[in-house]
């Protein structure tokens, strides 16, 4: 199984700022910031934008709180 990416890691892999990605997805930069902190409740429409834009499968993206991701990677 491939390593799961966080939303922040995906954005950074394209060398984009939160503001640039927000513009690409037609949302506010605050929305991007919130999703990078806790993507556990991301709306399907926004998740689909991530999947298409970053060419990833659903299982390639870690969804949850930033802290949970840190704990998961550390264990």
N, C-alpha and C. Protein backbone atom coordinates (compact mmCIF):
# COMPACT_ATOMS: atom_id res chain seq x y z
N UNK A 1 0.84 -1.19 0.00
CA UNK A 1 0.00 0.00 0.00
C UNK A 1 0.88 1.25 0.00
N UNK A 2 0.51 2.21 -0.78
CA UNK A 2 1.26 3.46 -0.87
C UNK A 2 1.09 4.28 0.41
N UNK A 3 2.06 5.12 0.67
CA UNK A 3 1.99 5.99 1.84
C UNK A 3 0.88 7.01 1.65
N UNK A 4 0.14 7.28 2.71
CA UNK A 4 -0.93 8.27 2.65
C UNK A 4 -0.34 9.67 2.75
N UNK A 5 -0.93 10.57 1.98
CA UNK A 5 -0.52 11.97 1.96
C UNK A 5 -1.50 12.79 2.78
N UNK A 6 -1.01 13.80 3.48
CA UNK A 6 -1.90 14.77 4.10
C UNK A 6 -2.24 15.82 3.04
N UNK A 7 -3.28 16.59 3.28
CA UNK A 7 -3.64 17.64 2.34
C UNK A 7 -2.53 18.67 2.22
N UNK A 8 -1.87 18.97 3.33
CA UNK A 8 -0.76 19.93 3.30
C UNK A 8 0.40 19.39 2.46
N UNK A 9 0.72 18.11 2.62
CA UNK A 9 1.80 17.51 1.85
C UNK A 9 1.49 17.55 0.35
N UNK A 10 0.24 17.31 0.01
CA UNK A 10 -0.15 17.39 -1.40
C UNK A 10 0.07 18.80 -1.95
N UNK A 11 -0.41 19.79 -1.19
CA UNK A 11 -0.25 21.18 -1.63
C UNK A 11 1.23 21.54 -1.77
N UNK A 12 2.02 21.17 -0.78
CA UNK A 12 3.44 21.49 -0.80
C UNK A 12 4.18 20.76 -1.93
N UNK A 13 3.69 19.59 -2.32
CA UNK A 13 4.33 18.85 -3.41
C UNK A 13 4.24 19.61 -4.73
N UNK A 14 3.24 20.48 -4.85
CA UNK A 14 3.08 21.33 -6.04
C UNK A 14 3.66 22.72 -5.82
N UNK A 15 4.30 22.91 -4.65
CA UNK A 15 4.91 24.20 -4.29
C UNK A 15 3.89 25.33 -4.36
N UNK A 16 2.71 25.07 -3.82
CA UNK A 16 1.63 26.06 -3.82
C UNK A 16 1.40 26.59 -2.41
N UNK A 17 0.98 27.83 -2.34
CA UNK A 17 0.56 28.40 -1.06
C UNK A 17 -0.90 28.02 -0.82
N UNK A 18 -1.36 28.23 0.41
CA UNK A 18 -2.77 27.99 0.70
C UNK A 18 -3.65 28.90 -0.14
N UNK A 19 -3.21 30.13 -0.33
CA UNK A 19 -3.99 31.09 -1.13
C UNK A 19 -4.09 30.64 -2.58
N UNK A 20 -3.00 30.14 -3.14
CA UNK A 20 -3.02 29.67 -4.53
C UNK A 20 -3.95 28.47 -4.70
N UNK A 21 -3.89 27.54 -3.76
CA UNK A 21 -4.77 26.38 -3.85
C UNK A 21 -6.22 26.78 -3.65
N UNK A 22 -6.45 27.70 -2.75
CA UNK A 22 -7.81 28.20 -2.52
C UNK A 22 -8.38 28.80 -3.80
N UNK A 23 -7.58 29.56 -4.50
CA UNK A 23 -8.02 30.15 -5.76
C UNK A 23 -8.32 29.05 -6.79
N UNK A 24 -7.47 28.06 -6.86
CA UNK A 24 -7.66 26.94 -7.79
C UNK A 24 -8.98 26.21 -7.51
N UNK A 25 -9.33 26.06 -6.23
CA UNK A 25 -10.52 25.31 -5.83
C UNK A 25 -11.74 26.20 -5.61
N UNK A 26 -11.58 27.50 -5.82
CA UNK A 26 -12.68 28.47 -5.63
C UNK A 26 -13.25 28.44 -4.21
N UNK A 27 -12.34 28.42 -3.24
CA UNK A 27 -12.71 28.50 -1.83
C UNK A 27 -11.81 29.54 -1.17
N UNK A 28 -12.05 29.83 0.09
CA UNK A 28 -11.20 30.79 0.80
C UNK A 28 -9.92 30.10 1.27
N UNK A 29 -8.88 30.89 1.49
CA UNK A 29 -7.64 30.32 2.01
C UNK A 29 -7.86 29.78 3.43
N UNK A 30 -8.81 30.36 4.14
CA UNK A 30 -9.16 29.87 5.48
C UNK A 30 -9.72 28.45 5.40
N UNK A 31 -10.50 28.16 4.35
CA UNK A 31 -11.03 26.81 4.15
C UNK A 31 -9.88 25.82 3.97
N UNK A 32 -8.89 26.18 3.17
CA UNK A 32 -7.73 25.32 2.95
C UNK A 32 -6.99 25.12 4.27
N UNK A 33 -6.81 26.20 5.00
CA UNK A 33 -6.12 26.11 6.30
C UNK A 33 -6.87 25.17 7.23
N UNK A 34 -8.17 25.31 7.31
CA UNK A 34 -8.97 24.45 8.18
C UNK A 34 -8.88 22.99 7.76
N UNK A 35 -8.92 22.73 6.47
CA UNK A 35 -8.84 21.35 5.98
C UNK A 35 -7.48 20.73 6.27
N UNK A 36 -6.43 21.54 6.22
CA UNK A 36 -5.10 21.01 6.53
C UNK A 36 -4.95 20.71 8.02
N UNK A 37 -5.67 21.42 8.85
CA UNK A 37 -5.64 21.17 10.29
C UNK A 37 -6.49 19.96 10.67
N UNK A 38 -7.66 19.84 10.06
CA UNK A 38 -8.57 18.73 10.37
C UNK A 38 -9.43 18.43 9.15
N UNK A 39 -9.01 17.44 8.40
CA UNK A 39 -9.73 17.08 7.18
C UNK A 39 -10.72 15.95 7.41
N UNK A 40 -10.97 15.62 8.67
CA UNK A 40 -11.88 14.54 8.99
C UNK A 40 -13.30 14.77 8.53
N UNK A 41 -13.69 16.03 8.39
CA UNK A 41 -15.05 16.36 7.96
C UNK A 41 -15.06 17.08 6.61
N UNK A 42 -14.11 16.79 5.77
CA UNK A 42 -14.04 17.46 4.47
C UNK A 42 -15.26 17.08 3.63
N UNK A 43 -15.81 18.05 2.96
CA UNK A 43 -16.98 17.81 2.12
C UNK A 43 -16.56 17.05 0.86
N UNK A 44 -17.44 16.19 0.39
CA UNK A 44 -17.14 15.36 -0.79
C UNK A 44 -16.74 16.18 -2.00
N UNK A 45 -17.39 17.30 -2.22
CA UNK A 45 -17.08 18.14 -3.38
C UNK A 45 -15.63 18.63 -3.33
N UNK A 46 -15.19 19.05 -2.15
CA UNK A 46 -13.80 19.52 -2.02
C UNK A 46 -12.83 18.36 -2.10
N UNK A 47 -13.17 17.22 -1.52
CA UNK A 47 -12.31 16.05 -1.61
C UNK A 47 -12.12 15.63 -3.07
N UNK A 48 -13.18 15.67 -3.85
CA UNK A 48 -13.08 15.32 -5.27
C UNK A 48 -12.13 16.26 -5.99
N UNK A 49 -12.13 17.53 -5.62
CA UNK A 49 -11.19 18.48 -6.23
C UNK A 49 -9.76 18.10 -5.93
N UNK A 50 -9.49 17.70 -4.68
CA UNK A 50 -8.15 17.25 -4.31
C UNK A 50 -7.76 16.02 -5.12
N UNK A 51 -8.64 15.04 -5.18
CA UNK A 51 -8.34 13.79 -5.89
C UNK A 51 -8.00 14.05 -7.35
N UNK A 52 -8.79 14.88 -8.01
CA UNK A 52 -8.56 15.18 -9.42
C UNK A 52 -7.32 16.04 -9.63
N UNK A 53 -7.19 17.10 -8.85
CA UNK A 53 -6.09 18.04 -9.04
C UNK A 53 -4.73 17.38 -8.78
N UNK A 54 -4.66 16.55 -7.72
CA UNK A 54 -3.39 15.94 -7.35
C UNK A 54 -3.23 14.53 -7.91
N UNK A 55 -4.23 14.07 -8.68
CA UNK A 55 -4.19 12.75 -9.31
C UNK A 55 -3.91 11.66 -8.29
N UNK A 56 -4.72 11.64 -7.24
CA UNK A 56 -4.59 10.65 -6.17
C UNK A 56 -5.89 9.88 -6.02
N UNK A 57 -5.78 8.68 -5.49
CA UNK A 57 -6.96 7.89 -5.14
C UNK A 57 -7.38 8.24 -3.73
N UNK A 58 -8.62 7.94 -3.42
CA UNK A 58 -9.16 8.22 -2.09
C UNK A 58 -8.26 7.64 -1.00
N UNK A 59 -7.80 6.41 -1.17
CA UNK A 59 -6.98 5.75 -0.15
C UNK A 59 -5.57 6.31 -0.03
N UNK A 60 -5.18 7.19 -0.95
CA UNK A 60 -3.85 7.81 -0.90
C UNK A 60 -3.81 9.04 0.01
N UNK A 61 -4.98 9.48 0.46
CA UNK A 61 -5.04 10.71 1.24
C UNK A 61 -5.44 10.41 2.68
N UNK A 62 -4.63 10.90 3.61
CA UNK A 62 -4.95 10.75 5.02
C UNK A 62 -5.98 11.80 5.39
N UNK A 63 -7.10 11.37 5.97
CA UNK A 63 -8.14 12.29 6.42
C UNK A 63 -8.25 12.20 7.93
N UNK A 64 -8.09 13.33 8.57
CA UNK A 64 -8.17 13.37 10.02
C UNK A 64 -7.51 14.62 10.55
N UNK A 65 -7.30 14.63 11.84
CA UNK A 65 -6.67 15.79 12.48
C UNK A 65 -5.17 15.72 12.32
N UNK A 66 -4.56 16.88 12.28
CA UNK A 66 -3.11 17.00 12.13
C UNK A 66 -2.39 16.18 13.21
N UNK A 67 -2.85 16.26 14.45
CA UNK A 67 -2.22 15.54 15.55
C UNK A 67 -2.34 14.03 15.34
N UNK A 68 -3.49 13.56 14.89
CA UNK A 68 -3.67 12.13 14.66
C UNK A 68 -2.70 11.63 13.60
N UNK A 69 -2.47 12.44 12.57
CA UNK A 69 -1.53 12.07 11.53
C UNK A 69 -0.13 11.95 12.12
N UNK A 70 0.26 12.86 12.98
CA UNK A 70 1.58 12.84 13.61
C UNK A 70 1.74 11.56 14.43
N UNK A 71 0.74 11.23 15.20
CA UNK A 71 0.80 10.03 16.03
C UNK A 71 0.88 8.78 15.15
N UNK A 72 0.10 8.73 14.08
CA UNK A 72 0.08 7.59 13.18
C UNK A 72 1.46 7.38 12.56
N UNK A 73 2.10 8.45 12.12
CA UNK A 73 3.40 8.33 11.47
C UNK A 73 4.48 7.95 12.47
N UNK A 74 4.34 8.39 13.71
CA UNK A 74 5.36 8.13 14.72
C UNK A 74 5.32 6.68 15.20
N UNK A 75 4.19 6.02 15.09
CA UNK A 75 4.08 4.66 15.63
C UNK A 75 4.55 3.62 14.64
